PDB file of N, CA and C in Angstrom:
ATOM      1  N   MET A   1      -2.648  -6.589  22.406  1.00  0.00           N
ATOM      2  CA  MET A   1      -2.923  -5.456  20.904  1.00  0.00           C
ATOM      3  C   MET A   1      -1.594  -5.418  20.236  1.00  0.00           C
ATOM      4  N   TRP A   2      -0.716  -6.617  21.061  1.00  0.00           N
ATOM      5  CA  TRP A   2       0.358  -6.718  19.682  1.00  0.00           C
ATOM      6  C   TRP A   2       0.376  -7.588  19.148  1.00  0.00           C
ATOM      7  N   LYS A   3      -0.479  -8.671  19.831  1.00  0.00           N
ATOM      8  CA  LYS A   3      -0.611 -10.188  19.483  1.00  0.00           C
ATOM      9  C   LYS A   3      -1.490  -9.517  17.806  1.00  0.00           C
ATOM     10  N   SER A   4      -1.185 -10.860  17.378  1.00  0.00           N
ATOM     11  CA  SER A   4      -1.608 -11.726  16.303  1.00  0.00           C
ATOM     12  C   SER A   4      -3.314 -12.368  16.397  1.00  0.00           C
ATOM     13  N   ARG A   5      -4.515 -12.021  15.703  1.00  0.00           N
ATOM     14  CA  ARG A   5      -5.232 -12.546  15.978  1.00  0.00           C
ATOM     15  C   ARG A   5      -5.846 -13.456  14.728  1.00  0.00           C
ATOM     16  N   ASN A   6      -6.787 -14.943  15.521  1.00  0.00           N
ATOM     17  CA  ASN A   6      -6.748 -16.104  15.020  1.00  0.00           C
ATOM     18  C   ASN A   6      -8.441 -15.641  14.806  1.00  0.00           C
ATOM     19  N   THR A   7      -9.133 -15.201  12.825  1.00  0.00           N
ATOM     20  CA  THR A   7     -10.427 -15.300  12.678  1.00  0.00           C
ATOM     21  C   THR A   7     -10.913 -16.431  12.914  1.00  0.00           C
ATOM     22  N   GLU A   8     -11.660 -17.359  13.039  1.00  0.00           N
ATOM     23  CA  GLU A   8     -13.050 -17.563  13.556  1.00  0.00           C
ATOM     24  C   GLU A   8     -13.262 -18.486  11.472  1.00  0.00           C
ATOM     25  N   SER A   9     -13.566 -17.382  10.708  1.00  0.00           N
ATOM     26  CA  SER A   9     -14.464 -18.199  10.364  1.00  0.00           C
ATOM     27  C   SER A   9     -12.958 -18.737   9.183  1.00  0.00           C
ATOM     28  N   SER A  10     -11.392 -18.388   9.149  1.00  0.00           N
ATOM     29  CA  SER A  10     -10.616 -18.854   8.136  1.00  0.00           C
ATOM     30  C   SER A  10      -9.005 -19.263   9.450  1.00  0.00           C
ATOM     31  N   GLY A  11      -9.400 -19.470  10.394  1.00  0.00           N
ATOM     32  CA  GLY A  11      -8.063 -19.427  10.815  1.00  0.00           C
ATOM     33  C   GLY A  11      -6.666 -19.178  10.285  1.00  0.00           C
ATOM     34  N   LYS A  12      -6.394 -18.196   9.632  1.00  0.00           N
ATOM     35  CA  LYS A  12      -5.882 -17.451   8.967  1.00  0.00           C
ATOM     36  C   LYS A  12      -5.809 -16.172  10.092  1.00  0.00           C
ATOM     37  N   LYS A  13      -3.626 -16.296  10.811  1.00  0.00           N
ATOM     38  CA  LYS A  13      -2.786 -14.739  11.262  1.00  0.00           C
ATOM     39  C   LYS A  13      -3.661 -13.786  10.964  1.00  0.00           C
ATOM     40  N   MET A  14      -4.331 -13.325  11.644  1.00  0.00           N
ATOM     41  CA  MET A  14      -4.421 -11.426  11.016  1.00  0.00           C
ATOM     42  C   MET A  14      -4.299 -10.773  11.825  1.00  0.00           C
ATOM     43  N   ALA A  15      -3.041  -8.749  11.320  1.00  0.00           N
ATOM     44  CA  ALA A  15      -2.636  -8.430  11.909  1.00  0.00           C
ATOM     45  C   ALA A  15      -3.223  -7.312  12.669  1.00  0.00           C
ATOM     46  N   TYR A  16      -3.693  -6.343  13.933  1.00  0.00           N
ATOM     47  CA  TYR A  16      -3.886  -5.952  14.334  1.00  0.00           C
ATOM     48  C   TYR A  16      -4.110  -4.411  13.688  1.00  0.00           C
ATOM     49  N   LYS A  17      -5.106  -3.287  13.084  1.00  0.00           N
ATOM     50  CA  LYS A  17      -5.303  -1.973  12.831  1.00  0.00           C
ATOM     51  C   LYS A  17      -4.268  -1.299  13.274  1.00  0.00           C
ATOM     52  N   ASN A  18      -3.511  -0.172  12.685  1.00  0.00           N
ATOM     53  CA  ASN A  18      -2.506   0.518  13.022  1.00  0.00           C
ATOM     54  C   ASN A  18      -1.859   0.813  13.600  1.00  0.00           C
ATOM     55  N   THR A  19      -0.927  -0.731  13.476  1.00  0.00           N
ATOM     56  CA  THR A  19       0.087  -1.824  13.965  1.00  0.00           C
ATOM     57  C   THR A  19       1.071  -1.745  12.863  1.00  0.00           C
ATOM     58  N   GLY A  20       1.936  -1.657  13.088  1.00  0.00           N
ATOM     59  CA  GLY A  20       3.465  -1.510  12.952  1.00  0.00           C
ATOM     60  C   GLY A  20       4.215  -2.491  13.162  1.00  0.00           C
ATOM     61  N   SER A  21       5.456  -2.853  12.653  1.00  0.00           N
ATOM     62  CA  SER A  21       6.606  -3.554  13.603  1.00  0.00           C
ATOM     63  C   SER A  21       8.250  -2.576  12.580  1.00  0.00           C
ATOM     64  N   LEU A  22       8.949  -2.979  13.327  1.00  0.00           N
ATOM     65  CA  LEU A  22      11.083  -2.725  12.669  1.00  0.00           C
ATOM     66  C   LEU A  22      11.315  -3.173  13.500  1.00  0.00           C
ATOM     67  N   SER A  23      12.455  -3.508  12.127  1.00  0.00           N
ATOM     68  CA  SER A  23      14.110  -4.269  12.937  1.00  0.00           C
ATOM     69  C   SER A  23      14.883  -3.985  11.988  1.00  0.00           C
ATOM     70  N   ARG A  24      16.149  -4.401  12.872  1.00  0.00           N
ATOM     71  CA  ARG A  24      17.712  -3.673  11.890  1.00  0.00           C
ATOM     72  C   ARG A  24      17.790  -4.350  10.798  1.00  0.00           C
ATOM     73  N   ASN A  25      17.210  -3.611   9.893  1.00  0.00           N
ATOM     74  CA  ASN A  25      18.142  -3.376   8.677  1.00  0.00           C
ATOM     75  C   ASN A  25      20.287  -3.713   8.489  1.00  0.00           C
ATOM     76  N   ASP A  26      19.579  -5.710   8.081  1.00  0.00           N
ATOM     77  CA  ASP A  26      20.566  -5.372   8.229  1.00  0.00           C
ATOM     78  C   ASP A  26      21.005  -5.497   6.517  1.00  0.00           C
ATOM     79  N   THR A  27      20.937  -5.521   5.571  1.00  0.00           N
ATOM     80  CA  THR A  27      21.105  -5.350   4.035  1.00  0.00           C
ATOM     81  C   THR A  27      21.642  -4.186   4.425  1.00  0.00           C
ATOM     82  N   LYS A  28      22.226  -2.269   5.312  1.00  0.00           N
ATOM     83  CA  LYS A  28      22.385  -0.839   4.804  1.00  0.00           C
ATOM     84  C   LYS A  28      23.943  -1.118   4.059  1.00  0.00           C
ATOM     85  N   GLN A  29      23.864  -0.524   3.719  1.00  0.00           N
ATOM     86  CA  GLN A  29      24.992  -0.329   2.729  1.00  0.00           C
ATOM     87  C   GLN A  29      26.342   1.028   2.821  1.00  0.00           C
ATOM     88  N   MET A  30      24.926   2.228   2.722  1.00  0.00           N
ATOM     89  CA  MET A  30      25.067   3.082   2.340  1.00  0.00           C
ATOM     90  C   MET A  30      24.317   3.836   3.765  1.00  0.00           C
ATOM     91  N   PRO A  31      25.598   5.304   4.834  1.00  0.00           N
ATOM     92  CA  PRO A  31      24.909   6.187   4.946  1.00  0.00           C
ATOM     93  C   PRO A  31      23.077   6.672   5.006  1.00  0.00           C
ATOM     94  N   ASN A  32      23.340   6.884   4.003  1.00  0.00           N
ATOM     95  CA  ASN A  32      21.776   7.510   3.789  1.00  0.00           C
ATOM     96  C   ASN A  32      20.646   6.557   3.545  1.00  0.00           C
ATOM     97  N   HIS A  33      21.255   5.213   4.139  1.00  0.00           N
ATOM     98  CA  HIS A  33      19.984   3.291   4.323  1.00  0.00           C
ATOM     99  C   HIS A  33      19.446   3.557   5.705  1.00  0.00           C
ATOM    100  N   PRO A  34      18.050   2.704   6.017  1.00  0.00           N
ATOM    101  CA  PRO A  34      17.372   3.309   7.153  1.00  0.00           C
ATOM    102  C   PRO A  34      18.727   1.776   7.842  1.00  0.00           C
ATOM    103  N   ASP A  35      18.958   2.474   9.157  1.00  0.00           N
ATOM    104  CA  ASP A  35      19.102   1.791  10.095  1.00  0.00           C
ATOM    105  C   ASP A  35      18.524   0.705  10.293  1.00  0.00           C
ATOM    106  N   LEU A  36      16.436   0.821  10.010  1.00  0.00           N
ATOM    107  CA  LEU A  36      15.725  -0.043  11.000  1.00  0.00           C
ATOM    108  C   LEU A  36      14.882  -0.287   9.484  1.00  0.00           C
ATOM    109  N   ARG A  37      13.721  -1.283   9.105  1.00  0.00           N
ATOM    110  CA  ARG A  37      12.958  -1.592   7.948  1.00  0.00           C
ATOM    111  C   ARG A  37      11.819  -2.304   8.652  1.00  0.00           C
ATOM    112  N   GLY A  38      10.657  -1.539   8.617  1.00  0.00           N
ATOM    113  CA  GLY A  38       9.489  -3.018   9.019  1.00  0.00           C
ATOM    114  C   GLY A  38       8.857  -2.590   7.749  1.00  0.00           C
ATOM    115  N   ASN A  39       7.325  -2.994   8.601  1.00  0.00           N
ATOM    116  CA  ASN A  39       5.210  -2.300   7.656  1.00  0.00           C
ATOM    117  C   ASN A  39       4.635  -2.286   8.870  1.00  0.00           C
ATOM    118  N   ALA A  40       3.600  -1.240   8.362  1.00  0.00           N
ATOM    119  CA  ALA A  40       2.595  -1.186   9.357  1.00  0.00           C
ATOM    120  C   ALA A  40       1.275  -0.903   8.550  1.00  0.00           C
ATOM    121  N   LYS A  41       0.341  -1.720   8.981  1.00  0.00           N
ATOM    122  CA  LYS A  41      -1.128  -1.250   8.145  1.00  0.00           C
ATOM    123  C   LYS A  41      -2.251  -0.660   9.241  1.00  0.00           C
ATOM    124  N   LEU A  42      -2.080   1.016   7.984  1.00  0.00           N
ATOM    125  CA  LEU A  42      -2.961   1.793   9.038  1.00  0.00           C
ATOM    126  C   LEU A  42      -4.484   1.513   8.312  1.00  0.00           C
ATOM    127  N   CYS A  43      -5.969   1.771   9.190  1.00  0.00           N
ATOM    128  CA  CYS A  43      -6.354   2.441   9.232  1.00  0.00           C
ATOM    129  C   CYS A  43      -7.016   4.290   8.823  1.00  0.00           C
ATOM    130  N   CYS A  44      -8.126   3.687   7.731  1.00  0.00           N
ATOM    131  CA  CYS A  44      -8.681   5.414   7.391  1.00  0.00           C
ATOM    132  C   CYS A  44      -9.083   5.300   8.205  1.00  0.00           C
ATOM    133  N   PRO A  45      -9.984   5.948   9.549  1.00  0.00           N
ATOM    134  CA  PRO A  45     -10.512   6.598   9.729  1.00  0.00           C
ATOM    135  C   PRO A  45     -11.876   6.944   9.552  1.00  0.00           C
ATOM    136  N   ASN A  46     -12.129   7.846   8.233  1.00  0.00           N
ATOM    137  CA  ASN A  46     -13.346   8.009   7.842  1.00  0.00           C
ATOM    138  C   ASN A  46     -14.301   7.236   7.423  1.00  0.00           C
ATOM    139  N   CYS A  47     -12.907   7.209   6.286  1.00  0.00           N
ATOM    140  CA  CYS A  47     -13.735   5.113   5.399  1.00  0.00           C
ATOM    141  C   CYS A  47     -13.678   4.132   5.666  1.00  0.00           C
ATOM    142  N   GLN A  48     -11.917   4.014   6.957  1.00  0.00           N
ATOM    143  CA  GLN A  48     -11.872   2.545   6.863  1.00  0.00           C
ATOM    144  C   GLN A  48     -11.584   1.918   6.040  1.00  0.00           C
ATOM    145  N   ALA A  49     -10.676   2.028   5.315  1.00  0.00           N
ATOM    146  CA  ALA A  49      -9.613   1.249   4.345  1.00  0.00           C
ATOM    147  C   ALA A  49      -8.505   1.222   4.532  1.00  0.00           C
ATOM    148  N   GLU A  50      -8.278   0.137   4.831  1.00  0.00           N
ATOM    149  CA  GLU A  50      -6.858  -0.258   5.174  1.00  0.00           C
ATOM    150  C   GLU A  50      -5.963   0.242   4.238  1.00  0.00           C
ATOM    151  N   THR A  51      -3.977   0.581   4.206  1.00  0.00           N
ATOM    152  CA  THR A  51      -3.362   0.656   3.934  1.00  0.00           C
ATOM    153  C   THR A  51      -2.102  -0.298   4.049  1.00  0.00           C
ATOM    154  N   ASP A  52      -1.541  -0.844   3.984  1.00  0.00           N
ATOM    155  CA  ASP A  52       0.264  -1.270   3.888  1.00  0.00           C
ATOM    156  C   ASP A  52       1.267  -0.545   3.420  1.00  0.00           C
ATOM    157  N   TYR A  53       1.890  -0.304   4.195  1.00  0.00           N
ATOM    158  CA  TYR A  53       3.047   0.916   4.660  1.00  0.00           C
ATOM    159  C   TYR A  53       4.462   0.136   4.166  1.00  0.00           C
ATOM    160  N   TRP A  54       5.767   0.335   3.781  1.00  0.00           N
ATOM    161  CA  TRP A  54       6.892   0.232   4.319  1.00  0.00           C
ATOM    162  C   TRP A  54       7.687   0.896   5.203  1.00  0.00           C
ATOM    163  N   VAL A  55       8.072   0.864   5.900  1.00  0.00           N
ATOM    164  CA  VAL A  55       8.565   1.720   7.335  1.00  0.00           C
ATOM    165  C   VAL A  55       9.987   1.976   7.871  1.00  0.00           C
ATOM    166  N   SER A  56      10.847   3.067   7.228  1.00  0.00           N
ATOM    167  CA  SER A  56      11.769   3.027   7.469  1.00  0.00           C
ATOM    168  C   SER A  56      12.322   3.544   8.907  1.00  0.00           C
ATOM    169  N   GLY A  57      13.021   3.399   9.666  1.00  0.00           N
ATOM    170  CA  GLY A  57      14.161   4.664  10.236  1.00  0.00           C
ATOM    171  C   GLY A  57      15.422   4.491  10.874  1.00  0.00           C
ATOM    172  N   TRP A  58      15.410   5.580  11.166  1.00  0.00           N
ATOM    173  CA  TRP A  58      17.161   6.195  11.165  1.00  0.00           C
ATOM    174  C   TRP A  58      17.113   6.938  12.707  1.00  0.00           C
ATOM    175  N   TYR A  59      18.369   6.526  13.598  1.00  0.00           N
ATOM    176  CA  TYR A  59      18.433   6.628  14.511  1.00  0.00           C
ATOM    177  C   TYR A  59      19.454   7.814  14.710  1.00  0.00           C
ATOM    178  N   LYS A  60      18.458   8.890  15.082  1.00  0.00           N
ATOM    179  CA  LYS A  60      19.747  10.226  15.255  1.00  0.00           C
ATOM    180  C   LYS A  60      20.179  11.258  16.892  1.00  0.00           C
ATOM    181  N   THR A  61      20.472  12.306  16.421  1.00  0.00           N
ATOM    182  CA  THR A  61      20.533  12.347  17.306  1.00  0.00           C
ATOM    183  C   THR A  61      20.372  14.408  17.305  1.00  0.00           C
ATOM    184  N   SER A  62      19.224  14.541  18.596  1.00  0.00           N
ATOM    185  CA  SER A  62      19.055  16.672  18.635  1.00  0.00           C
ATOM    186  C   SER A  62      19.744  17.530  18.871  1.00  0.00           C
ATOM    187  N   ARG A  63      19.647  17.986  17.616  1.00  0.00           N
ATOM    188  CA  ARG A  63      20.310  19.280  16.951  1.00  0.00           C
ATOM    189  C   ARG A  63      20.925  20.022  19.169  1.00  0.00           C
ATOM    190  N   ASN A  64      19.451  19.956  19.957  1.00  0.00           N
ATOM    191  CA  ASN A  64      18.957  21.018  21.163  1.00  0.00           C
ATOM    192  C   ASN A  64      20.094  20.782  21.438  1.00  0.00           C
ATOM    193  N   ASP A  65      19.440  19.054  22.060  1.00  0.00           N
ATOM    194  CA  ASP A  65      20.232  18.663  23.647  1.00  0.00           C
ATOM    195  C   ASP A  65      20.620  17.331  23.560  1.00  0.00           C
ATOM    196  N   GLY A  66      21.127  16.814  22.264  1.00  0.00           N
ATOM    197  CA  GLY A  66      21.612  15.794  22.461  1.00  0.00           C
ATOM    198  C   GLY A  66      20.889  14.740  22.448  1.00  0.00           C
ATOM    199  N   ARG A  67      19.487  14.570  22.679  1.00  0.00           N
ATOM    200  CA  ARG A  67      19.018  13.870  22.594  1.00  0.00           C
ATOM    201  C   ARG A  67      19.027  12.193  21.391  1.00  0.00           C
ATOM    202  N   GLN A  68      18.935  10.849  21.445  1.00  0.00           N
ATOM    203  CA  GLN A  68      18.216  10.508  20.820  1.00  0.00           C
ATOM    204  C   GLN A  68      17.319   9.947  20.203  1.00  0.00           C
ATOM    205  N   PHE A  69      17.236  10.105  19.173  1.00  0.00           N
ATOM    206  CA  PHE A  69      15.596   9.675  18.877  1.00  0.00           C
ATOM    207  C   PHE A  69      15.927   9.354  17.792  1.00  0.00           C
ATOM    208  N   ILE A  70      14.019   8.260  17.261  1.00  0.00           N
ATOM    209  CA  ILE A  70      14.686   7.496  15.458  1.00  0.00           C
ATOM    210  C   ILE A  70      13.287   8.689  15.139  1.00  0.00           C
ATOM    211  N   SER A  71      14.041   8.413  13.239  1.00  0.00           N
ATOM    212  CA  SER A  71      13.132   9.691  12.780  1.00  0.00           C
ATOM    213  C   SER A  71      12.461   8.330  11.457  1.00  0.00           C
ATOM    214  N   LEU A  72      11.422   8.350  11.145  1.00  0.00           N
ATOM    215  CA  LEU A  72      10.737   7.300  10.738  1.00  0.00           C
ATOM    216  C   LEU A  72      10.502   8.537   9.543  1.00  0.00           C
ATOM    217  N   GLY A  73      10.306   7.110   8.905  1.00  0.00           N
ATOM    218  CA  GLY A  73       9.000   7.498   7.161  1.00  0.00           C
ATOM    219  C   GLY A  73       8.600   6.180   7.023  1.00  0.00           C
ATOM    220  N   LEU A  74       7.391   6.195   5.745  1.00  0.00           N
ATOM    221  CA  LEU A  74       5.967   5.760   5.320  1.00  0.00           C
ATOM    222  C   LEU A  74       5.944   5.858   3.847  1.00  0.00           C
ATOM    223  N   ARG A  75       6.226   4.501   3.202  1.00  0.00           N
ATOM    224  CA  ARG A  75       5.795   4.305   1.856  1.00  0.00           C
ATOM    225  C   ARG A  75       4.819   3.983   1.402  1.00  0.00           C
ATOM    226  N   ASP A  76       3.392   3.937   0.624  1.00  0.00           N
ATOM    227  CA  ASP A  76       2.651   3.449   0.093  1.00  0.00           C
ATOM    228  C   ASP A  76       3.210   1.956  -0.622  1.00  0.00           C
ATOM    229  N   LYS A  77       2.391   0.864   0.614  1.00  0.00           N
ATOM    230  CA  LYS A  77       2.956  -0.207  -0.401  1.00  0.00           C
ATOM    231  C   LYS A  77       2.989  -0.489  -1.676  1.00  0.00           C
ATOM    232  N   ASN A  78       2.335  -0.113  -2.561  1.00  0.00           N
ATOM    233  CA  ASN A  78       1.522  -0.046  -4.059  1.00  0.00           C
ATOM    234  C   ASN A  78       1.967   0.639  -4.469  1.00  0.00           C
ATOM    235  N   GLU A  79       2.061   2.019  -3.937  1.00  0.00           N
ATOM    236  CA  GLU A  79       3.839   2.968  -5.011  1.00  0.00           C
ATOM    237  C   GLU A  79       4.580   2.478  -5.689  1.00  0.00           C
ATOM    238  N   LYS A  80       4.952   2.596  -7.011  1.00  0.00           N
ATOM    239  CA  LYS A  80       6.282   2.174  -7.171  1.00  0.00           C
ATOM    240  C   LYS A  80       7.287   3.510  -7.112  1.00  0.00           C
ATOM    241  N   ALA A  81       8.356   3.223  -5.806  1.00  0.00           N
ATOM    242  CA  ALA A  81       9.393   3.873  -6.159  1.00  0.00           C
ATOM    243  C   ALA A  81       9.678   4.742  -7.300  1.00  0.00           C
ATOM    244  N   ASP A  82      10.258   5.714  -7.156  1.00  0.00           N
ATOM    245  CA  ASP A  82      10.116   6.854  -8.441  1.00  0.00           C
ATOM    246  C   ASP A  82      11.810   6.909  -8.634  1.00  0.00           C
ATOM    247  N   MET A  83      12.271   5.842 -10.088  1.00  0.00           N
ATOM    248  CA  MET A  83      13.552   6.030  -9.790  1.00  0.00           C
ATOM    249  C   MET A  83      13.830   6.787 -11.350  1.00  0.00           C
ATOM    250  N   THR A  84      13.370   8.097 -11.953  1.00  0.00           N
ATOM    251  CA  THR A  84      13.202   8.524 -12.436  1.00  0.00           C
ATOM    252  C   THR A  84      14.992   9.942 -12.153  1.00  0.00           C
ATOM    253  N   THR A  85      15.517   9.916 -12.430  1.00  0.00           N
ATOM    254  CA  THR A  85      16.776  10.731 -12.172  1.00  0.00           C
ATOM    255  C   THR A  85      16.859  12.723 -12.305  1.00  0.00           C
ATOM    256  N   PRO A  86      17.057  12.264 -11.672  1.00  0.00           N
ATOM    257  CA  PRO A  86      17.016  14.591 -12.092  1.00  0.00           C
ATOM    258  C   PRO A  86      16.633  15.879 -13.229  1.00  0.00           C
ATOM    259  N   GLN A  87      16.618  14.596 -14.486  1.00  0.00           N
ATOM    260  CA  GLN A  87      16.901  15.381 -15.709  1.00  0.00           C
ATOM    261  C   GLN A  87      15.104  14.525 -16.406  1.00  0.00           C
ATOM    262  N   GLN A  88      14.969  13.268 -15.882  1.00  0.00           N
ATOM    263  CA  GLN A  88      13.551  12.952 -16.393  1.00  0.00           C
ATOM    264  C   GLN A  88      12.950  13.974 -15.460  1.00  0.00           C
ATOM    265  N   MET A  89      12.480  14.430 -14.342  1.00  0.00           N
ATOM    266  CA  MET A  89      11.476  14.571 -13.964  1.00  0.00           C
ATOM    267  C   MET A  89      12.016  15.795 -14.250  1.00  0.00           C
ATOM    268  N   MET A  90      13.126  16.765 -14.235  1.00  0.00           N
ATOM    269  CA  MET A  90      12.253  18.672 -14.437  1.00  0.00           C
ATOM    270  C   MET A  90      11.961  18.136 -16.833  1.00  0.00           C
ATOM    271  N   GLU A  91      12.378  17.729 -17.322  1.00  0.00           N
ATOM    272  CA  GLU A  91      11.599  17.126 -18.745  1.00  0.00           C
ATOM    273  C   GLU A  91      10.232  17.461 -19.377  1.00  0.00           C
ATOM    274  N   ARG A  92       9.863  16.132 -17.731  1.00  0.00           N
ATOM    275  CA  ARG A  92       8.133  15.972 -17.405  1.00  0.00           C
ATOM    276  C   ARG A  92       7.929  17.061 -16.626  1.00  0.00           C
ATOM    277  N   VAL A  93       8.454  18.402 -15.728  1.00  0.00           N
ATOM    278  CA  VAL A  93       7.921  19.201 -15.548  1.00  0.00           C
ATOM    279  C   VAL A  93       8.017  20.512 -16.614  1.00  0.00           C
ATOM    280  N   PHE A  94       8.730  20.922 -16.808  1.00  0.00           N
ATOM    281  CA  PHE A  94       9.236  21.338 -18.240  1.00  0.00           C
ATOM    282  C   PHE A  94       9.723  21.421 -19.558  1.00  0.00           C
ATOM    283  N   PRO A  95       8.126  20.434 -19.819  1.00  0.00           N
ATOM    284  CA  PRO A  95       8.676  19.957 -20.698  1.00  0.00           C
ATOM    285  C   PRO A  95       9.640  20.294 -22.452  1.00  0.00           C
ATOM    286  N   ASN A  96       9.428  21.912 -22.636  1.00  0.00           N
ATOM    287  CA  ASN A  96       9.915  23.210 -23.652  1.00  0.00           C
ATOM    288  C   ASN A  96      10.955  24.167 -23.151  1.00  0.00           C
ATOM    289  N   ALA A  97      11.571  23.430 -21.964  1.00  0.00           N
ATOM    290  CA  ALA A  97      11.992  24.725 -21.850  1.00  0.00           C
ATOM    291  C   ALA A  97      13.883  24.655 -22.769  1.00  0.00           C
ATOM    292  N   ALA A  98      14.545  23.509 -23.293  1.00  0.00           N
ATOM    293  CA  ALA A  98      15.532  23.688 -24.057  1.00  0.00           C
ATOM    294  C   ALA A  98      14.702  24.987 -25.091  1.00  0.00           C
ATOM    295  N   ASP A  99      13.118  25.216 -25.060  1.00  0.00           N
ATOM    296  CA  ASP A  99      13.460  26.007 -26.823  1.00  0.00           C
ATOM    297  C   ASP A  99      12.418  27.087 -26.162  1.00  0.00           C
ATOM    298  N   ASP A 100      12.833  27.425 -25.011  1.00  0.00           N
ATOM    299  CA  ASP A 100      12.222  28.506 -24.041  1.00  0.00           C
ATOM    300  C   ASP A 100      14.040  29.453 -24.068  1.00  0.00           C
ATOM    301  N   ILE A 101      14.739  28.609 -24.624  1.00  0.00           N
ATOM    302  CA  ILE A 101      16.087  30.183 -23.976  1.00  0.00           C
ATOM    303  C   ILE A 101      16.934  30.320 -25.153  1.00  0.00           C
ATOM    304  N   ASP A 102      16.118  31.981 -25.560  1.00  0.00           N
ATOM    305  CA  ASP A 102      17.557  32.395 -26.754  1.00  0.00           C
ATOM    306  C   ASP A 102      18.609  32.581 -27.029  1.00  0.00           C
ATOM    307  N   PHE A 103      19.855  31.770 -26.673  1.00  0.00           N
ATOM    308  CA  PHE A 103      20.939  32.042 -26.820  1.00  0.00           C
ATOM    309  C   PHE A 103      21.772  32.630 -28.404  1.00  0.00           C
TER     310      PHE A 103
END
């Protein structure tokens, strides 16, 4: 299940559905950057549509018992990263906010 397989028609390697991989993030510059990075291909069980995701992982420690674990985050590869500032987000959500205040 972990290996790629060759398709008979094209000879290209094709990853299995619902699998992914992580490796150490050698470009980590800030403490909040992920410790691990990779990708995954997930398949919808209803419509069989496949989606590629970026996977990020952070080493964490449980507050309850001190056990270590990896926290994961997934982001669709086709979605653009939201690079808006908090001010731009507020203007988008509340476009007439400045007009409503009577000082």
